[in-house]
Amino acid sequence: MSKKTVLTGITTTGIPHIGNYLGAIKPAIAASENPNFNSFFFLADYHALIKCHDPERVAESTRAIAATWLALGLDTDKATFYRQSDIPEIPELTWILTCLTSKGLMNRAHAYKAAVDANREAGNEDLDDGVTMGLFSYPILMAADILMFNADIIPVGKDQVQHIEMARDIAGRFNHQFAPLLDLPEAQVDEETQLIPGLDGRKMSKSYDNTIPLFASSDELYSLIKQIKTDSKLPGEPKDPEDSTLFQLFRCFAQPQEVEGMRQRYLEGIAWGEAKKELFEYIDAHLSGPRQRYQALMADLGYVESLLLKGAEKARATAADNLKQIRQAVGIRPLTFVAQAQDTESSKKEKSAEALARAEEGRRRAILLQVQPLIDQVQTADEPSLAALDLLRAKEEEVAALKKKARQKAENELEILREQLMTLGYLNALAE
């Protein structure tokens, strides 16, 4: 059984906070210790440029995030740890995929739609005001990050699942158009780490300015924890642990038995001041060792840089080989290149059933994207069933008129179109 590849990136726009640690870094490092996985972790500095035009902030964040991963125990011999900008194959693949990705797919991206909605609410005539091409097309860069290494599992928050689906769609279209070279990734959403509360009870986020820096000094950590909002219940009054940010944070760090013990103390009426002090002492003790290692690494950035370059060299060995095949598939080849016969009997035998299934799924998804506008027309027609029959007959006539070379692709589209219309119930009469 071949190893699965897990890939995670963190955008270099801020200093890591406790939410980053619990939601992404800690589970990622734990996964890297599993010998059944190949782990790729990267600093997404190209992504940072989409929303941050402060070069010093990007540079500072890159240093801090790199040192953070290492301070928390990432073993760079077990995982591939690199800086996105050190892999030139990624922007090249981004361009290739951009030339294959429909604008309609990008129009549906959450970040772009949010920007358009904000302009509409503000009364701006230009709904694209302030929208850069980086913001508009960054799901393609994210797809390149993933597809460059044929990553199988992408741990993400719920707000990023759409981007993994887009990466699947883009890979499927490439595989259908050129060659089955790109694996279809799967999003992995950990419900336990989805909502790490910040100082105000909302999700801990730089956007809300409610974060607790991961390696804050003991004094700063205690000062921030004392700012966490609580209700007005007095000492001795029972408190609901599930409605307490303090308890939720404690649960993220503590062992199950410790969590149950603390839950009982809340029900018995622990004072809020005491609860804050205990949370501080527990987190401070948990992070004291990594904090010291972080400070040492920040004082020796040459060493950190050497580890990133080592990871980049390792990542590029994979990326260069994959990009070579991708370039050849799209026709960017040496003049002396001679295409090998595709899908010979021997090569078919070497392909695993799993790889074939992924390629087939990608093919079907790509075709479905192409025929979706036709299905939309049927669904919005006054009489969808009649419209479906008319569309199907017209498509059959169109396919029959094509020459043999172009007919196979059109027949595949017709097959998928017929299946979808049948599934939607528009061809029941035809089926009977």
Protein backbone atom coordinates (compact mmCIF):
# COMPACT_ATOMS: atom_id res chain seq x y z
CA MET A 1 0.00 0.00 0.00
CA SER A 2 1.47 3.35 -1.07
CA LYS A 3 1.80 6.16 1.42
CA LYS A 4 -0.72 8.99 1.45
CA THR A 5 0.62 12.53 1.15
CA VAL A 6 -0.57 15.17 3.63
CA LEU A 7 0.02 18.84 2.83
CA THR A 8 -0.46 21.92 5.01
CA GLY A 9 0.50 25.57 4.49
CA ILE A 10 0.33 28.64 6.73
CA THR A 11 0.13 32.12 5.22
CA THR A 12 2.92 34.42 6.39
CA THR A 13 0.89 37.46 7.40
CA GLY A 14 1.10 37.35 11.20
CA ILE A 15 2.74 35.94 14.31
CA PRO A 16 1.48 32.44 15.21
CA HIS A 17 -1.14 32.36 17.95
CA ILE A 18 -2.62 29.63 20.09
CA GLY A 19 -5.41 29.05 17.57
CA ASN A 20 -2.84 28.33 14.83
CA TYR A 21 -1.06 25.90 17.13
CA LEU A 22 -4.12 23.94 18.23
CA GLY A 23 -5.95 24.01 14.91
CA ALA A 24 -3.13 23.36 12.45
CA ILE A 25 0.43 23.05 13.70
CA LYS A 26 -0.02 20.54 16.54
CA PRO A 27 -2.11 18.00 14.53
CA ALA A 28 0.15 18.42 11.51
CA ILE A 29 3.31 17.65 13.47
CA ALA A 30 1.62 14.65 15.07
CA ALA A 31 0.67 13.38 11.59
CA SER A 32 4.27 13.78 10.41
CA GLU A 33 5.33 11.16 12.97
CA ASN A 34 3.05 8.60 11.31
CA PRO A 35 5.16 6.45 8.95
CA ASN A 36 2.10 5.81 6.77
CA PHE A 37 2.13 9.40 5.51
CA ASN A 38 4.41 11.65 3.50
CA SER A 39 4.10 15.10 5.08
CA PHE A 40 4.63 18.41 3.26
CA PHE A 41 4.49 21.62 5.32
CA PHE A 42 5.18 25.02 3.78
CA LEU A 43 5.27 28.74 4.46
CA ALA A 44 2.75 30.27 2.05
CA ASP A 45 4.58 33.54 1.39
CA TYR A 46 3.16 34.03 -2.13
CA HIS A 47 -0.32 33.78 -0.61
CA ALA A 48 0.65 36.48 1.89
CA LEU A 49 1.04 39.01 -0.95
CA ILE A 50 -2.65 38.68 -1.80
CA LYS A 51 -3.78 40.60 1.26
CA CYS A 52 -0.60 42.07 2.77
CA HIS A 53 1.52 44.67 1.01
CA ASP A 54 3.77 45.36 3.99
CA PRO A 55 7.11 43.68 3.15
CA GLU A 56 8.45 43.88 6.70
CA ARG A 57 5.37 42.16 8.09
CA VAL A 58 5.63 39.33 5.56
CA ALA A 59 9.34 38.87 6.30
CA GLU A 60 8.83 38.96 10.07
CA SER A 61 5.95 36.50 9.86
CA THR A 62 8.02 34.13 7.72
CA ARG A 63 10.80 34.07 10.31
CA ALA A 64 8.39 33.58 13.20
CA ILE A 65 6.34 30.81 11.58
CA ALA A 66 9.43 28.88 10.48
CA ALA A 67 10.92 29.05 14.00
CA THR A 68 7.56 28.11 15.52
CA TRP A 69 7.21 24.84 13.61
CA LEU A 70 10.74 23.83 14.56
CA ALA A 71 10.35 24.88 18.20
CA LEU A 72 7.23 22.73 18.49
CA GLY A 73 9.14 19.62 17.45
CA LEU A 74 8.85 19.28 13.68
CA ASP A 75 11.45 16.75 12.49
CA THR A 76 12.63 17.93 9.07
CA ASP A 77 14.04 14.48 8.35
CA LYS A 78 10.54 13.02 8.59
CA ALA A 79 8.64 15.86 6.88
CA THR A 80 9.35 18.09 3.89
CA PHE A 81 9.42 21.65 5.30
CA TYR A 82 9.87 24.44 2.77
CA ARG A 83 9.09 27.99 1.73
CA GLN A 84 6.59 28.28 -1.11
CA SER A 85 8.67 30.90 -2.94
CA ASP A 86 11.66 28.52 -3.04
CA ILE A 87 9.76 26.20 -5.41
CA PRO A 88 9.64 27.94 -8.84
CA GLU A 89 7.73 24.99 -10.25
CA ILE A 90 4.66 26.11 -8.27
CA PRO A 91 4.06 29.45 -10.06
CA GLU A 92 4.75 27.73 -13.41
CA LEU A 93 2.12 25.10 -12.64
CA THR A 94 -0.20 27.91 -11.49
CA TRP A 95 -0.03 29.47 -14.95
CA ILE A 96 -0.66 26.17 -16.70
CA LEU A 97 -3.72 25.56 -14.51
CA THR A 98 -4.88 29.17 -14.95
CA CYS A 99 -5.05 28.60 -18.69
CA LEU A 100 -7.34 25.65 -18.05
CA THR A 101 -9.59 27.09 -15.32
CA SER A 102 -12.88 28.74 -16.23
CA LYS A 103 -13.60 32.25 -14.99
CA GLY A 104 -17.02 30.99 -13.89
CA LEU A 105 -15.36 28.69 -11.35
CA MET A 106 -13.36 31.59 -9.90
CA ASN A 107 -16.49 33.76 -9.80
CA ARG A 108 -17.89 31.35 -7.21
CA ALA A 109 -14.92 31.62 -4.81
CA HIS A 110 -16.02 32.79 -1.36
CA ALA A 111 -13.38 35.52 -1.00
CA TYR A 112 -14.22 37.08 -4.36
CA LYS A 113 -17.96 36.93 -3.74
CA ALA A 114 -17.46 38.53 -0.33
CA ALA A 115 -15.52 41.41 -1.91
CA VAL A 116 -18.24 41.92 -4.54
CA ASP A 117 -20.96 41.84 -1.87
CA ALA A 118 -19.06 44.40 0.20
CA ASN A 119 -18.85 46.75 -2.79
CA ARG A 120 -22.55 46.26 -3.50
CA GLU A 121 -23.48 47.06 0.11
CA ALA A 122 -21.23 50.13 0.03
CA GLY A 123 -23.02 51.39 -3.08
CA ASN A 124 -19.96 51.17 -5.35
CA GLU A 125 -20.83 51.12 -9.04
CA ASP A 126 -17.73 49.05 -9.76
CA LEU A 127 -18.40 45.76 -7.99
CA ASP A 128 -14.77 44.74 -8.59
CA ASP A 129 -13.38 47.83 -6.87
CA GLY A 130 -10.28 46.86 -4.89
CA VAL A 131 -10.26 43.29 -6.23
CA THR A 132 -6.80 42.30 -7.44
CA MET A 133 -6.10 39.40 -9.76
CA GLY A 134 -4.29 37.80 -6.84
CA LEU A 135 -7.46 37.79 -4.77
CA PHE A 136 -9.58 36.66 -7.70
CA SER A 137 -7.41 33.73 -8.80
CA TYR A 138 -5.65 32.63 -5.63
CA PRO A 139 -7.63 29.35 -5.50
CA ILE A 140 -5.58 28.37 -8.57
CA LEU A 141 -2.33 29.05 -6.70
CA MET A 142 -3.68 26.96 -3.84
CA ALA A 143 -4.54 24.20 -6.32
CA ALA A 144 -0.97 24.32 -7.66
CA ASP A 145 0.41 24.03 -4.11
CA ILE A 146 -1.59 20.83 -3.69
CA LEU A 147 -1.40 19.27 -7.16
CA MET A 148 2.33 19.95 -7.51
CA PHE A 149 2.94 17.15 -5.01
CA ASN A 150 -0.18 15.08 -5.76
CA ALA A 151 -1.26 15.54 -2.16
CA ASP A 152 -4.04 13.22 -1.01
CA ILE A 153 -5.13 14.78 2.29
CA ILE A 154 -5.42 18.52 2.97
CA PRO A 155 -6.28 19.45 6.60
CA VAL A 156 -8.36 22.65 6.40
CA GLY A 157 -11.02 24.63 8.20
CA LYS A 158 -14.57 24.53 6.91
CA ASP A 159 -14.07 27.88 5.16
CA GLN A 160 -11.35 26.33 2.97
CA VAL A 161 -13.21 23.20 1.85
CA GLN A 162 -14.45 25.00 -1.26
CA HIS A 163 -10.86 25.54 -2.39
CA ILE A 164 -10.09 21.84 -2.15
CA GLU A 165 -13.18 21.12 -4.25
CA MET A 166 -11.91 23.65 -6.79
CA ALA A 167 -8.52 21.93 -6.84
CA ARG A 168 -10.32 18.65 -7.57
CA ASP A 169 -12.28 20.26 -10.41
CA ILE A 170 -9.12 21.78 -11.90
CA ALA A 171 -7.23 18.48 -11.64
CA GLY A 172 -10.14 16.63 -13.21
CA ARG A 173 -10.26 19.01 -16.14
CA PHE A 174 -6.49 18.67 -16.68
CA ASN A 175 -6.67 14.88 -16.55
CA HIS A 176 -9.55 14.84 -19.02
CA GLN A 177 -7.94 17.30 -21.42
CA PHE A 178 -4.34 16.06 -21.35
CA ALA A 179 -3.32 13.04 -19.26
CA PRO A 180 -4.24 11.46 -15.88
CA LEU A 181 -1.26 12.94 -14.03
CA LEU A 182 -2.94 14.79 -11.16
CA ASP A 183 -4.42 13.08 -8.10
CA LEU A 184 -7.67 14.43 -6.67
CA PRO A 185 -7.14 15.72 -3.12
CA GLU A 186 -9.51 15.25 -0.20
CA ALA A 187 -10.26 17.91 2.43
CA GLN A 188 -9.83 16.78 6.03
CA VAL A 189 -11.84 18.81 8.52
CA ASP A 190 -11.21 18.15 12.22
CA GLU A 191 -14.39 19.16 14.03
CA GLU A 192 -12.58 19.17 17.39
CA THR A 193 -10.25 21.98 16.37
CA GLN A 194 -12.61 24.06 14.23
CA LEU A 195 -13.47 26.68 16.83
CA ILE A 196 -10.60 27.73 19.07
CA PRO A 197 -12.10 30.65 21.04
CA GLY A 198 -10.30 33.97 21.38
CA LEU A 199 -10.38 36.61 24.10
CA ASP A 200 -13.94 37.66 23.20
CA GLY A 201 -15.36 34.16 22.71
CA ARG A 202 -15.38 34.36 18.93
CA LYS A 203 -13.04 32.22 16.82
CA MET A 204 -9.45 33.20 17.56
CA SER A 205 -8.38 35.20 14.54
CA LYS A 206 -6.09 38.08 13.58
CA SER A 207 -9.12 39.58 11.84
CA TYR A 208 -10.91 39.94 15.18
CA ASP A 209 -7.78 41.08 17.06
CA ASN A 210 -8.63 38.56 19.78
CA THR A 211 -5.59 36.30 19.61
CA ILE A 212 -3.14 35.04 22.23
CA PRO A 213 0.38 34.95 20.73
CA LEU A 214 1.74 31.44 21.01
CA PHE A 215 5.06 32.44 22.53
CA ALA A 216 4.01 35.48 24.53
CA SER A 217 6.02 36.03 27.71
CA SER A 218 4.54 34.69 30.94
CA ASP A 219 3.51 38.19 32.01
CA GLU A 220 1.86 38.97 28.66
CA LEU A 221 0.14 35.59 28.61
CA TYR A 222 -1.38 36.12 32.07
CA SER A 223 -2.43 39.67 31.16
CA LEU A 224 -4.24 38.44 28.05
CA ILE A 225 -5.95 35.53 29.81
CA LYS A 226 -7.27 37.95 32.44
CA GLN A 227 -8.98 39.84 29.57
CA ILE A 228 -11.04 36.80 28.52
CA LYS A 229 -14.73 37.59 28.85
CA THR A 230 -16.80 35.78 31.47
CA ASP A 231 -20.34 36.13 32.83
CA SER A 232 -21.33 37.79 36.12
CA LYS A 233 -21.72 34.64 38.24
CA LEU A 234 -20.11 34.88 41.65
CA PRO A 235 -17.75 32.40 43.35
CA GLY A 236 -19.75 29.40 44.55
CA GLU A 237 -22.39 29.71 41.83
CA PRO A 238 -22.41 26.78 39.36
CA LYS A 239 -21.01 27.72 35.97
CA ASP A 240 -21.65 26.14 32.57
CA PRO A 241 -18.27 24.84 31.32
CA GLU A 242 -19.57 24.47 27.75
CA ASP A 243 -20.37 28.19 27.66
CA SER A 244 -16.97 29.26 29.00
CA THR A 245 -14.07 30.36 26.80
CA LEU A 246 -11.73 29.61 29.71
CA PHE A 247 -12.89 26.00 29.88
CA GLN A 248 -12.80 25.55 26.11
CA LEU A 249 -9.17 26.67 26.00
CA PHE A 250 -8.26 24.46 28.97
CA ARG A 251 -9.82 21.47 27.21
CA CYS A 252 -7.67 22.09 24.13
CA PHE A 253 -4.49 21.60 26.16
CA ALA A 254 -5.41 19.22 28.98
CA GLN A 255 -5.72 15.44 29.17
CA PRO A 256 -9.24 13.90 29.35
CA GLN A 257 -9.02 13.16 33.09
CA GLU A 258 -7.88 16.73 33.79
CA VAL A 259 -10.73 18.08 31.68
CA GLU A 260 -13.30 16.12 33.65
CA GLY A 261 -11.79 17.31 36.92
CA MET A 262 -11.97 20.92 35.78
CA ARG A 263 -15.53 20.44 34.53
CA GLN A 264 -16.56 19.36 38.02
CA ARG A 265 -14.95 22.44 39.54
CA TYR A 266 -16.98 24.66 37.22
CA LEU A 267 -20.17 22.92 38.30
CA GLU A 268 -19.13 23.43 41.93
CA GLY A 269 -18.71 27.19 41.37
CA ILE A 270 -15.02 27.91 40.79
CA ALA A 271 -14.30 31.67 40.91
CA TRP A 272 -13.53 33.25 37.54
CA GLY A 273 -10.28 34.72 38.85
CA GLU A 274 -9.15 31.30 40.00
CA ALA A 275 -10.17 29.71 36.70
CA LYS A 276 -8.11 32.27 34.79
CA LYS A 277 -5.09 31.72 37.03
CA GLU A 278 -5.27 27.95 36.59
CA LEU A 279 -5.63 28.27 32.81
CA PHE A 280 -2.59 30.56 32.69
CA GLU A 281 -0.46 28.21 34.80
CA TYR A 282 -1.41 25.20 32.71
CA ILE A 283 -0.73 26.85 29.32
CA ASP A 284 2.45 28.57 30.56
CA ALA A 285 3.86 25.25 31.77
CA HIS A 286 2.87 23.54 28.52
CA LEU A 287 4.56 26.16 26.34
CA SER A 288 7.61 27.07 28.44
CA GLY A 289 9.92 24.54 26.75
CA PRO A 290 8.85 25.39 23.17
CA ARG A 291 9.08 29.10 24.05
CA GLN A 292 12.74 28.73 25.01
CA ARG A 293 13.50 26.77 21.83
CA TYR A 294 11.68 29.41 19.78
CA GLN A 295 13.78 32.21 21.26
CA ALA A 296 16.97 30.25 20.57
CA LEU A 297 15.94 29.65 16.94
CA MET A 298 15.04 33.30 16.39
CA ALA A 299 18.57 34.10 17.55
CA ASP A 300 20.03 31.65 15.01
CA LEU A 301 18.10 32.33 11.79
CA GLY A 302 20.96 31.00 9.68
CA TYR A 303 20.21 27.54 11.03
CA VAL A 304 16.48 27.95 10.34
CA GLU A 305 17.28 29.09 6.79
CA SER A 306 19.46 26.04 6.21
CA LEU A 307 16.59 23.73 7.18
CA LEU A 308 14.20 25.53 4.83
CA LEU A 309 16.69 25.25 1.96
CA LYS A 310 17.16 21.57 2.72
CA GLY A 311 13.39 21.12 2.55
CA ALA A 312 13.18 23.13 -0.69
CA GLU A 313 15.78 20.89 -2.31
CA LYS A 314 13.80 17.83 -1.25
CA ALA A 315 10.50 19.33 -2.45
CA ARG A 316 11.94 20.41 -5.79
CA ALA A 317 13.13 16.89 -6.54
CA THR A 318 9.47 15.83 -6.56
CA ALA A 319 8.15 19.03 -8.14
CA ALA A 320 10.63 19.05 -11.03
CA ASP A 321 9.79 15.48 -12.01
CA ASN A 322 6.03 16.10 -11.84
CA LEU A 323 6.26 19.38 -13.75
CA LYS A 324 8.32 17.71 -16.48
CA GLN A 325 5.48 15.27 -17.11
CA ILE A 326 2.88 18.05 -16.96
CA ARG A 327 4.82 20.21 -19.42
CA GLN A 328 5.15 17.32 -21.84
CA ALA A 329 1.45 16.55 -21.52
CA VAL A 330 0.42 20.10 -22.50
CA GLY A 331 2.90 20.22 -25.40
CA ILE A 332 5.77 22.22 -23.88
CA ARG A 333 8.56 19.85 -24.94
CA PRO A 334 12.08 19.73 -26.38
CA LEU A 335 12.09 19.75 -30.17
CA THR A 336 13.60 16.29 -30.12
CA PHE A 337 10.90 14.85 -27.86
CA VAL A 338 9.19 11.75 -29.17
CA ALA A 339 5.92 10.87 -27.43
CA GLN A 340 5.80 7.34 -26.12
CA ALA A 341 2.83 5.17 -26.91
CA GLN A 342 0.24 5.82 -24.24
CA ASP A 343 -1.61 3.22 -22.24
CA THR A 344 0.28 0.18 -23.49
CA GLU A 345 -0.71 -3.14 -21.96
CA SER A 346 2.30 -3.09 -19.65
CA SER A 347 1.62 0.43 -18.37
CA LYS A 348 -2.03 -0.45 -17.77
CA LYS A 349 -1.01 -3.34 -15.56
CA GLU A 350 1.28 -1.09 -13.54
CA LYS A 351 -1.48 1.40 -12.72
CA SER A 352 -3.23 0.66 -9.46
CA ALA A 353 -7.00 0.34 -9.30
CA GLU A 354 -7.05 3.34 -6.97
CA ALA A 355 -5.16 5.54 -9.44
CA LEU A 356 -7.48 4.52 -12.26
CA ALA A 357 -10.52 5.28 -10.15
CA ARG A 358 -9.18 8.75 -9.32
CA ALA A 359 -8.50 9.45 -12.96
CA GLU A 360 -11.99 8.32 -13.94
CA GLU A 361 -13.57 10.48 -11.26
CA GLY A 362 -11.58 13.44 -12.50
CA ARG A 363 -12.67 12.78 -16.07
CA ARG A 364 -16.33 12.65 -15.10
CA ARG A 365 -16.11 15.81 -12.96
CA ALA A 366 -14.47 17.71 -15.80
CA ILE A 367 -17.17 16.65 -18.26
CA LEU A 368 -19.90 17.49 -15.76
CA LEU A 369 -18.49 21.02 -15.43
CA GLN A 370 -18.68 21.40 -19.21
CA VAL A 371 -22.30 20.26 -19.51
CA GLN A 372 -23.54 22.04 -16.36
CA PRO A 373 -24.65 25.17 -18.28
CA LEU A 374 -26.89 22.95 -20.45
CA ILE A 375 -28.39 21.32 -17.35
CA ASP A 376 -28.99 24.80 -15.89
CA GLN A 377 -30.92 25.76 -19.03
CA VAL A 378 -33.15 22.71 -18.64
CA GLN A 379 -33.84 23.40 -14.97
CA THR A 380 -34.89 26.99 -15.66
CA ALA A 381 -37.10 26.13 -18.67
CA ASP A 382 -40.90 26.42 -18.44
CA GLU A 383 -41.24 22.71 -19.19
CA PRO A 384 -37.97 21.05 -18.07
CA SER A 385 -38.86 17.55 -19.30
CA LEU A 386 -39.56 18.73 -22.84
CA ALA A 387 -36.50 20.94 -22.78
CA ALA A 388 -34.42 17.96 -21.67
CA LEU A 389 -35.65 15.81 -24.54
CA ASP A 390 -35.06 18.58 -27.08
CA LEU A 391 -31.58 19.21 -25.72
CA LEU A 392 -30.69 15.53 -25.80
CA ARG A 393 -31.88 15.09 -29.39
CA ALA A 394 -29.95 18.16 -30.51
CA LYS A 395 -26.83 16.92 -28.77
CA GLU A 396 -27.17 13.47 -30.36
CA GLU A 397 -27.45 15.06 -33.82
CA GLU A 398 -24.42 17.21 -33.08
CA VAL A 399 -22.37 14.17 -32.04
CA ALA A 400 -23.42 12.16 -35.08
CA ALA A 401 -22.26 14.95 -37.39
CA LEU A 402 -18.75 15.06 -35.95
CA LYS A 403 -15.78 13.39 -37.53
CA LYS A 404 -14.37 10.30 -35.83
CA LYS A 405 -11.42 12.11 -34.22
CA ALA A 406 -13.60 14.60 -32.37
CA ARG A 407 -16.55 12.30 -31.76
CA GLN A 408 -15.25 10.39 -28.72
CA LYS A 409 -15.03 13.45 -26.49
CA ALA A 410 -18.50 14.61 -27.56
CA GLU A 411 -19.92 11.13 -26.94
CA ASN A 412 -18.50 11.21 -23.40
CA GLU A 413 -20.21 14.55 -22.78
CA LEU A 414 -23.47 13.19 -24.17
CA GLU A 415 -23.26 10.17 -21.86
CA ILE A 416 -22.76 12.31 -18.76
CA LEU A 417 -25.47 14.76 -19.86
CA ARG A 418 -27.96 11.90 -20.33
CA GLU A 419 -27.10 10.44 -16.90
CA GLN A 420 -27.56 13.80 -15.15
CA LEU A 421 -30.89 14.55 -16.83
CA MET A 422 -32.09 11.06 -15.92
CA THR A 423 -30.97 11.53 -12.30
CA LEU A 424 -32.84 14.84 -12.11
CA GLY A 425 -36.02 13.12 -13.31
CA TYR A 426 -36.37 14.95 -16.62
CA LEU A 427 -36.13 11.83 -18.75
CA ASN A 428 -38.52 9.50 -16.93
CA ALA A 429 -40.74 9.18 -19.98
CA LEU A 430 -37.76 8.28 -22.10
CA ALA A 431 -36.67 5.64 -19.61
CA GLU A 432 -40.10 4.02 -19.67
